[in-house]
C-alpha atoms as a PDB file:
ATOM      1  CA  MET A   1      60.454 -44.628  11.169  1.00  0.00           C
ATOM      2  CA  ALA A   2      56.267 -45.056  11.791  1.00  0.00           C
ATOM      3  CA  THR A   3      54.286 -44.578   9.167  1.00  0.00           C
ATOM      4  CA  VAL A   4      51.256 -44.414  11.034  1.00  0.00           C
ATOM      5  CA  ALA A   5      50.320 -42.380  14.111  1.00  0.00           C
ATOM      6  CA  VAL A   6      48.089 -43.784  16.691  1.00  0.00           C
ATOM      7  CA  THR A   7      45.924 -41.508  18.078  1.00  0.00           C
ATOM      8  CA  VAL A   8      42.241 -40.912  19.535  1.00  0.00           C
ATOM      9  CA  CYS A   9      38.974 -39.677  18.543  1.00  0.00           C
ATOM     10  CA  GLU A  10      38.259 -35.892  19.092  1.00  0.00           C
ATOM     11  CA  ASN A  11      34.537 -36.290  19.379  1.00  0.00           C
ATOM     12  CA  PRO A  12      33.520 -36.926  22.749  1.00  0.00           C
ATOM     13  CA  ASP A  13      30.762 -38.967  22.225  1.00  0.00           C
ATOM     14  CA  CYS A  14      33.291 -41.501  20.308  1.00  0.00           C
ATOM     15  CA  ARG A  15      36.990 -41.272  22.149  1.00  0.00           C
ATOM     16  CA  LYS A  16      37.904 -44.685  19.751  1.00  0.00           C
ATOM     17  CA  VAL A  17      41.482 -45.329  19.488  1.00  0.00           C
ATOM     18  CA  PHE A  18      42.580 -45.518  15.675  1.00  0.00           C
ATOM     19  CA  GLU A  19      45.585 -45.477  13.444  1.00  0.00           C
ATOM     20  CA  ILE A  20      46.123 -42.290  10.850  1.00  0.00           C
ATOM     21  CA  PRO A  21      48.850 -42.090   8.485  1.00  0.00           C
ATOM     22  CA  ILE A  22      51.405 -39.759   9.776  1.00  0.00           C
ATOM     23  CA  GLY A  23      51.219 -37.142   7.470  1.00  0.00           C
ATOM     24  CA  HIS A  24      47.783 -36.846   7.581  1.00  0.00           C
ATOM     25  CA  TYR A  25      48.103 -36.390  11.197  1.00  0.00           C
ATOM     26  CA  ASN A  26      51.050 -33.944  11.220  1.00  0.00           C
ATOM     27  CA  ARG A  27      49.100 -31.936   8.250  1.00  0.00           C
ATOM     28  CA  ALA A  28      46.025 -32.102  10.525  1.00  0.00           C
ATOM     29  CA  ARG A  29      48.033 -30.342  13.467  1.00  0.00           C
ATOM     30  CA  LYS A  30      49.940 -27.705  11.589  1.00  0.00           C
ATOM     31  CA  MET A  31      46.706 -26.263   9.835  1.00  0.00           C
ATOM     32  CA  GLN A  32      45.306 -26.192  13.429  1.00  0.00           C
ATOM     33  CA  ARG A  33      42.355 -28.778  12.654  1.00  0.00           C
ATOM     34  CA  ARG A  34      40.882 -31.439  14.641  1.00  0.00           C
ATOM     35  CA  VAL A  35      41.097 -35.268  13.969  1.00  0.00           C
ATOM     36  CA  PHE A  36      38.879 -38.312  13.670  1.00  0.00           C
ATOM     37  CA  CYS A  37      37.977 -41.648  13.521  1.00  0.00           C
ATOM     38  CA  GLY A  38      35.584 -41.113  10.429  1.00  0.00           C
ATOM     39  CA  THR A  39      33.774 -38.950   8.069  1.00  0.00           C
ATOM     40  CA  LYS A  40      30.489 -39.929  10.261  1.00  0.00           C
ATOM     41  CA  CYS A  41      32.399 -38.366  13.442  1.00  0.00           C
ATOM     42  CA  ALA A  42      34.054 -35.639  11.724  1.00  0.00           C
ATOM     43  CA  GLY A  43      30.048 -35.021  10.301  1.00  0.00           C
ATOM     44  CA  ILE A  44      28.114 -34.611  13.127  1.00  0.00           C
ATOM     45  CA  MET A  45      30.798 -32.876  15.052  1.00  0.00           C
ATOM     46  CA  ARG A  46      31.134 -29.832  11.874  1.00  0.00           C
ATOM     47  CA  ARG A  47      27.326 -29.767  12.815  1.00  0.00           C
ATOM     48  CA  LYS A  48      27.691 -29.590  16.390  1.00  0.00           C
ATOM     49  CA  HIS A  49      27.196 -26.922  18.563  1.00  0.00           C
ATOM     50  CA  ARG A  50      25.461 -24.596  15.818  1.00  0.00           C
ATOM     51  CA  THR A  51      22.086 -22.534  16.633  1.00  0.00           C
ATOM     52  CA  GLU A  52      18.967 -23.172  14.478  1.00  0.00           C
ATOM     53  CA  GLU A  53      19.755 -19.760  12.806  1.00  0.00           C
ATOM     54  CA  GLU A  54      23.260 -20.627  11.768  1.00  0.00           C
ATOM     55  CA  LYS A  55      22.102 -24.303  10.134  1.00  0.00           C
ATOM     56  CA  ARG A  56      19.678 -22.278   8.142  1.00  0.00           C
ATOM     57  CA  GLU A  57      22.312 -18.923   6.833  1.00  0.00           C
ATOM     58  CA  MET A  58      24.545 -21.619   6.158  1.00  0.00           C
ATOM     59  CA  SER A  59      21.230 -23.812   4.254  1.00  0.00           C
ATOM     60  CA  ARG A  60      20.289 -20.983   2.552  1.00  0.00           C
ATOM     61  CA  VAL A  61      24.066 -19.766   1.034  1.00  0.00           C
ATOM     62  CA  ARG A  62      24.934 -23.510   0.212  1.00  0.00           C
ATOM     63  CA  CYS A  63      21.042 -23.336  -1.763  1.00  0.00           C
ATOM     64  CA  ARG A  64      22.271 -20.066  -3.430  1.00  0.00           C
ATOM     65  CA  ARG A  65      25.385 -21.146  -4.560  1.00  0.00           C
ATOM     66  CA  TYR A  66      24.303 -23.955  -5.953  1.00  0.00           C
ATOM     67  CA  LYS A  67      21.299 -22.286  -7.958  1.00  0.00           C
ATOM     68  CA  ALA A  68      23.521 -19.655  -8.824  1.00  0.00           C
ATOM     69  CA  LYS A  69      26.350 -22.619 -10.622  1.00  0.00           C
ATOM     70  CA  ASN A  70      23.211 -25.331 -12.033  1.00  0.00           C
ATOM     71  CA  THR A  71      20.031 -22.419 -12.775  1.00  0.00           C
ATOM     72  CA  ALA A  72      19.455 -24.510 -16.443  1.00  0.00           C
ATOM     73  CA  VAL A  73      19.475 -27.381 -14.591  1.00  0.00           C
ATOM     74  CA  VAL A  74      17.159 -26.035 -11.308  1.00  0.00           C
ATOM     75  CA  ARG A  75      14.986 -24.657 -14.455  1.00  0.00           C
ATOM     76  CA  GLU A  76      14.717 -27.965 -16.291  1.00  0.00           C
ATOM     77  CA  ARG A  77      13.869 -29.851 -12.671  1.00  0.00           C
ATOM     78  CA  ASN A  78      11.459 -27.618 -11.839  1.00  0.00           C
ATOM     79  CA  ARG A  79       9.158 -27.334 -15.439  1.00  0.00           C
ATOM     80  CA  LYS A  80       9.489 -31.282 -15.573  1.00  0.00           C
ATOM     81  CA  TYR A  81       8.205 -30.941 -12.300  1.00  0.00           C
ATOM     82  CA  MET A  82       5.297 -28.723 -12.682  1.00  0.00           C
ATOM     83  CA  ARG A  83       4.709 -30.563 -16.176  1.00  0.00           C
ATOM     84  CA  LYS A  84       4.499 -33.891 -14.131  1.00  0.00           C
ATOM     85  CA  ASN A  85       1.846 -32.386 -11.037  1.00  0.00           C
ATOM     86  CA  TYR A  86       0.086 -29.408 -12.061  1.00  0.00           C
ATOM     87  CA  ASP A  87      -3.507 -29.966 -12.093  1.00  0.00           C
ATOM     88  CA  PRO A  88      -5.347 -26.858 -13.474  1.00  0.00           C
ATOM     89  CA  VAL A  89      -8.703 -27.245 -11.774  1.00  0.00           C
ATOM     90  CA  LYS A  90      -6.749 -28.261  -8.291  1.00  0.00           C
ATOM     91  CA  ALA A  91      -4.840 -24.671  -8.623  1.00  0.00           C
ATOM     92  CA  ARG A  92      -8.291 -23.039  -9.445  1.00  0.00           C
ATOM     93  CA  GLU A  93      -9.833 -24.497  -6.458  1.00  0.00           C
ATOM     94  CA  SER A  94      -6.863 -23.182  -4.092  1.00  0.00           C
ATOM     95  CA  ARG A  95      -6.522 -19.852  -5.313  1.00  0.00           C
ATOM     96  CA  LYS A  96     -10.362 -19.628  -4.967  1.00  0.00           C
ATOM     97  CA  ARG A  97      -9.948 -21.205  -0.769  1.00  0.00           C
ATOM     98  CA  ASN A  98      -7.312 -19.063  -0.216  1.00  0.00           C
ATOM     99  CA  GLY A  99      -9.557 -15.698  -0.386  1.00  0.00           C
ATOM    100  CA  HIS A 100      -7.359 -13.581  -2.517  1.00  0.00           C
ATOM    101  CA  ALA A 101     -10.116 -13.015  -4.951  1.00  0.00           C
ATOM    102  CA  ALA A 102     -12.106 -11.333  -2.184  1.00  0.00           C
ATOM    103  CA  TYR A 103      -8.970  -9.425  -0.906  1.00  0.00           C
ATOM    104  CA  LEU A 104      -8.818  -8.240  -4.130  1.00  0.00           C
ATOM    105  CA  GLN A 105     -12.850  -6.594  -3.880  1.00  0.00           C
ATOM    106  CA  THR A 106     -12.366  -4.894  -0.684  1.00  0.00           C
ATOM    107  CA  PRO A 107     -12.396  -1.254  -0.867  1.00  0.00           C
ATOM    108  CA  GLU A 108      -8.517  -1.143   1.107  1.00  0.00           C
ATOM    109  CA  TYR A 109      -6.994  -2.776  -1.669  1.00  0.00           C
ATOM    110  CA  ARG A 110      -9.035  -0.701  -4.428  1.00  0.00           C
ATOM    111  CA  LYS A 111      -7.748   2.238  -3.003  1.00  0.00           C
ATOM    112  CA  TYR A 112      -4.425   1.096  -2.467  1.00  0.00           C
ATOM    113  CA  LYS A 113      -4.282  -0.611  -6.005  1.00  0.00           C
ATOM    114  CA  LYS A 114      -5.632   3.297  -7.412  1.00  0.00           C
ATOM    115  CA  ALA A 115      -2.621   4.982  -5.528  1.00  0.00           C
ATOM    116  CA  TYR A 116      -0.147   1.860  -6.729  1.00  0.00           C
ATOM    117  CA  ASP A 117      -1.100   2.150 -10.372  1.00  0.00           C
ATOM    118  CA  ARG A 118      -1.339   6.050 -10.565  1.00  0.00           C
ATOM    119  CA  GLN A 119       2.363   6.425  -9.350  1.00  0.00           C
ATOM    120  CA  ARG A 120       3.438   3.647 -11.405  1.00  0.00           C
ATOM    121  CA  ARG A 121       1.990   5.197 -14.893  1.00  0.00           C
ATOM    122  CA  CYS A 122       3.172   8.632 -13.398  1.00  0.00           C
ATOM    123  CA  LYS A 123       6.703   7.418 -12.912  1.00  0.00           C
ATOM    124  CA  ILE A 124       6.668   5.067 -16.210  1.00  0.00           C
ATOM    125  CA  HIS A 125       5.817   8.541 -18.241  1.00  0.00           C
ATOM    126  CA  TYR A 126       7.193  11.639 -16.756  1.00  0.00           C
ATOM    127  CA  GLY A 127      10.555   9.651 -14.941  1.00  0.00           C
ATOM    128  CA  GLU A 128      12.100  11.428 -12.188  1.00  0.00           C
ATOM    129  CA  PHE A 129       9.331  14.168 -12.247  1.00  0.00           C
ATOM    130  CA  TRP A 130       6.919  12.034 -11.198  1.00  0.00           C
ATOM    131  CA  GLU A 131       5.959  13.168  -8.111  1.00  0.00           C
ATOM    132  CA  ALA A 132       5.284  16.731  -9.579  1.00  0.00           C
ATOM    133  CA  ALA A 133       3.040  15.684 -12.570  1.00  0.00           C
ATOM    134  CA  SER A 134       0.907  14.043  -9.627  1.00  0.00           C
ATOM    135  CA  VAL A 135       0.492  16.741  -7.578  1.00  0.00           C
ATOM    136  CA  LEU A 136      -0.332  18.135 -11.059  1.00  0.00           C
ATOM    137  CA  PHE A 137      -3.074  16.048 -11.824  1.00  0.00           C
ATOM    138  CA  ASP A 138      -4.703  16.533  -8.642  1.00  0.00           C
ATOM    139  CA  LEU A 139      -5.016  20.115  -8.917  1.00  0.00           C
ATOM    140  CA  GLU A 140      -6.639  19.636 -12.735  1.00  0.00           C
ATOM    141  CA  SER A 141      -8.683  17.472 -10.851  1.00  0.00           C
ATOM    142  CA  GLU A 142      -9.904  20.166  -8.060  1.00  0.00           C
ATOM    143  CA  ILE A 143     -10.239  22.637 -10.895  1.00  0.00           C
ATOM    144  CA  ASP A 144     -12.345  20.673 -12.598  1.00  0.00           C
ATOM    145  CA  SER A 145     -14.195  19.412 -10.022  1.00  0.00           C
ATOM    146  CA  ARG A 146     -15.057  23.074  -8.955  1.00  0.00           C
ATOM    147  CA  GLN A 147     -15.286  24.184 -12.571  1.00  0.00           C
ATOM    148  CA  ALA A 148     -18.475  21.692 -13.235  1.00  0.00           C
ATOM    149  CA  LYS A 149     -20.053  22.322  -9.680  1.00  0.00           C
ATOM    150  CA  ALA A 150     -20.049  26.433 -11.057  1.00  0.00           C
ATOM    151  CA  GLU A 151     -21.637  25.444 -14.148  1.00  0.00           C
ATOM    152  CA  ASN A 152     -24.142  23.461 -13.022  1.00  0.00           C
ATOM    153  CA  ASN A 153     -25.227  26.105  -9.966  1.00  0.00           C
ATOM    154  CA  ILE A 154     -24.112  23.528  -7.574  1.00  0.00           C
ATOM    155  CA  ILE A 155     -22.060  25.579  -5.289  1.00  0.00           C
ATOM    156  CA  ASN A 156     -23.471  26.607  -2.254  1.00  0.00           C
ATOM    157  CA  LYS A 157     -27.062  25.180  -3.266  1.00  0.00           C
ATOM    158  CA  SER A 158     -28.504  24.426  -0.123  1.00  0.00           C
ATOM    159  CA  GLN A 159     -27.615  28.638   1.193  1.00  0.00           C
ATOM    160  CA  ARG A 160     -29.236  29.350  -1.900  1.00  0.00           C
ATOM    161  CA  ARG A 161     -32.334  27.578  -1.317  1.00  0.00           C
ATOM    162  CA  LYS A 162     -32.400  28.509   2.292  1.00  0.00           C
ATOM    163  CA  ARG A 163     -31.777  32.191   1.306  1.00  0.00           C
ATOM    164  CA  THR A 164     -34.526  31.919  -1.338  1.00  0.00           C
ATOM    165  CA  TRP A 165     -37.269  30.536   1.071  1.00  0.00           C
ATOM    166  CA  GLN A 166     -36.602  33.525   3.665  1.00  0.00           C
ATOM    167  CA  THR A 167     -37.065  36.020   1.078  1.00  0.00           C
ATOM    168  CA  LEU A 168     -40.494  34.231   0.061  1.00  0.00           C
ATOM    169  CA  GLN A 169     -42.017  33.455   3.282  1.00  0.00           C
ATOM    170  CA  PRO A 170     -40.787  36.749   5.196  1.00  0.00           C
ATOM    171  CA  LYS A 171     -44.390  37.078   7.219  1.00  0.00           C
ATOM    172  CA  THR A 172     -44.418  32.968   8.466  1.00  0.00           C
ATOM    173  CA  LEU A 173     -41.453  33.687   9.304  1.00  0.00           C
ATOM    174  CA  LYS A 174     -42.285  36.524  11.448  1.00  0.00           C
ATOM    175  CA  THR A 175     -45.151  34.847  13.256  1.00  0.00           C
ATOM    176  CA  HIS A 176     -43.271  31.890  14.277  1.00  0.00           C
ATOM    177  CA  PHE A 177     -40.014  32.849  15.305  1.00  0.00           C
ATOM    178  CA  GLY A 178     -40.935  36.464  16.552  1.00  0.00           C
ATOM    179  CA  SER A 179     -39.581  39.816  14.851  1.00  0.00           C
ATOM    180  CA  PRO A 180     -35.911  40.215  13.778  1.00  0.00           C
END
């Protein structure tokens, strides 16, 4: 009885005739797996016929598994790298170059940040009722501004000035604009 099977590598670029132990060959056939002459051909065929997206996804999954298993090792390696390579002056220049500070000073960002901070504070202090608290703050600020305008005689100020001027100048108006 033969202990070695003579077969052909299933890599179409290789097609080399080689010997393999009969038990390995039978196990591969039973599990419906392909038989290759070596690890190089097996690796090529494993990676072949995959799109770039599939390769990226496989790499991402593999990387995530590795990081989950070896969290402490990865963190320590990253810390060592930072200690060795971090230059605060260079980092400061890099932050200046990317224009982030200028972006933070734009009116759009300030408006966004003000709304974000307000929402965050409301969520922290009022929990699930944060939306009601936010509306209440809007209402209170509107009431306060109207009350301040009323106390300082700011409401309808231009209209009052116009009426006062018209009552003080009745003759001048009639001569310029005719009788009413």
